[in-house]
Amino acid sequence: MIRPLAYCDNLSHIRSSIDCIDYRIIELLAQRAEYVEQAAHYKSSLEEVKAEQRVINMFEQRNEWASSFNMDAKLIESIFQSIINHFINKETEIFHEQS
């Protein structure tokens, strides 16, 4: 359970909430992976897989989201760089398997 910060009375409460948040992040990344895999089946070229303009647009949007949550844009960019690179590689593998 993610305990609201106002009700975290000790370090154990905080750590437990962090663990729950991390679990949910991983759960959402697994769900994202399913969507990426499905998207790969709709792409007909490696250029579509790489989708350079889409990646640029994603970074701009994620930076805006980071700002709206008062998050460090460099942290968010680093996280999403890793996520996007991983999934582009995965989509590339799927694309080659389909060819």
Protein backbone atom coordinates (compact mmCIF):
# COMPACT_ATOMS: atom_id res chain seq x y z
CA MET A 1 0.00 0.00 0.00
CA ILE A 2 1.22 3.47 -0.83
CA ARG A 3 0.76 5.43 2.35
CA PRO A 4 0.21 9.18 1.89
CA LEU A 5 3.30 11.09 3.03
CA ALA A 6 1.30 12.82 5.75
CA TYR A 7 0.73 9.40 7.33
CA CYS A 8 4.29 8.12 7.09
CA ASP A 9 5.32 8.08 10.73
CA ASN A 10 8.63 6.27 10.30
CA LEU A 11 11.24 5.05 7.84
CA SER A 12 9.51 1.69 7.48
CA HIS A 13 6.33 3.39 6.22
CA ILE A 14 8.33 5.38 3.70
CA ARG A 15 10.29 2.36 2.46
CA SER A 16 7.14 0.28 2.15
CA SER A 17 5.50 3.00 0.07
CA ILE A 18 8.59 3.32 -2.14
CA ASP A 19 8.55 -0.45 -2.71
CA CYS A 20 4.88 -0.26 -3.74
CA ILE A 21 5.60 2.61 -6.12
CA ASP A 22 8.52 0.70 -7.66
CA TYR A 23 6.32 -2.36 -8.10
CA ARG A 24 3.74 -0.25 -9.92
CA ILE A 25 6.42 1.30 -12.14
CA ILE A 26 7.62 -2.19 -13.14
CA GLU A 27 4.04 -3.33 -13.68
CA LEU A 28 3.45 -0.35 -16.01
CA LEU A 29 6.71 -1.01 -17.87
CA ALA A 30 5.57 -4.59 -18.47
CA GLN A 31 2.29 -3.26 -19.83
CA ARG A 32 4.18 -0.77 -22.01
CA ALA A 33 6.25 -3.67 -23.36
CA GLU A 34 3.08 -5.42 -24.52
CA TYR A 35 1.97 -2.31 -26.41
CA VAL A 36 5.40 -1.88 -27.99
CA GLU A 37 5.41 -5.49 -29.12
CA GLN A 38 1.97 -5.06 -30.68
CA ALA A 39 3.03 -1.81 -32.36
CA ALA A 40 5.99 -3.59 -33.95
CA HIS A 41 3.57 -5.73 -35.94
CA TYR A 42 2.14 -2.62 -37.62
CA LYS A 43 5.48 -1.30 -38.82
CA SER A 44 6.68 -2.08 -42.31
CA SER A 45 10.21 -0.66 -42.26
CA LEU A 46 13.15 -0.09 -39.94
CA GLU A 47 12.58 3.66 -40.35
CA GLU A 48 9.13 3.19 -38.82
CA VAL A 49 10.67 1.20 -35.99
CA LYS A 50 13.24 3.91 -35.28
CA ALA A 51 10.61 6.66 -35.72
CA GLU A 52 13.16 9.42 -35.19
CA GLN A 53 10.64 12.28 -35.20
CA ARG A 54 8.37 10.37 -32.82
CA VAL A 55 11.31 9.92 -30.42
CA ILE A 56 12.10 13.65 -30.58
CA ASN A 57 8.44 14.46 -29.89
CA MET A 58 8.34 11.98 -27.01
CA PHE A 59 11.35 13.59 -25.33
CA GLU A 60 9.82 17.04 -25.68
CA GLN A 61 6.56 15.82 -24.18
CA ARG A 62 8.23 13.90 -21.34
CA ASN A 63 10.28 17.00 -20.51
CA GLU A 64 7.06 19.01 -20.31
CA TRP A 65 5.55 16.35 -18.06
CA ALA A 66 8.67 16.39 -15.89
CA SER A 67 8.34 20.14 -15.53
CA SER A 68 4.68 19.90 -14.59
CA PHE A 69 5.62 17.54 -11.73
CA ASN A 70 8.67 19.59 -10.71
CA MET A 71 10.92 16.68 -11.65
CA ASP A 72 14.50 16.98 -12.82
CA ALA A 73 14.24 16.91 -16.62
CA LYS A 74 17.69 15.32 -16.91
CA LEU A 75 16.61 12.41 -14.73
CA ILE A 76 13.44 11.86 -16.75
CA GLU A 77 15.34 12.16 -20.03
CA SER A 78 17.88 9.60 -18.84
CA ILE A 79 15.19 7.16 -17.78
CA PHE A 80 13.27 7.51 -21.01
CA GLN A 81 16.42 7.33 -23.12
CA SER A 82 17.03 3.92 -21.61
CA ILE A 83 13.41 2.83 -22.00
CA ILE A 84 13.13 4.03 -25.58
CA ASN A 85 16.46 2.50 -26.64
CA HIS A 86 15.50 -0.82 -25.09
CA PHE A 87 12.14 -0.93 -26.84
CA ILE A 88 13.51 0.22 -30.21
CA ASN A 89 15.97 -2.67 -29.99
CA LYS A 90 13.13 -5.03 -29.08
CA GLU A 91 10.98 -3.77 -31.97
CA THR A 92 13.95 -4.16 -34.32
CA GLU A 93 14.30 -7.81 -33.26
CA ILE A 94 10.57 -8.41 -33.82
CA PHE A 95 10.75 -6.64 -37.20
CA HIS A 96 13.64 -8.85 -38.34
CA GLU A 97 11.81 -11.97 -37.15
CA GLN A 98 8.77 -10.99 -39.22
CA SER A 99 10.81 -10.25 -42.38
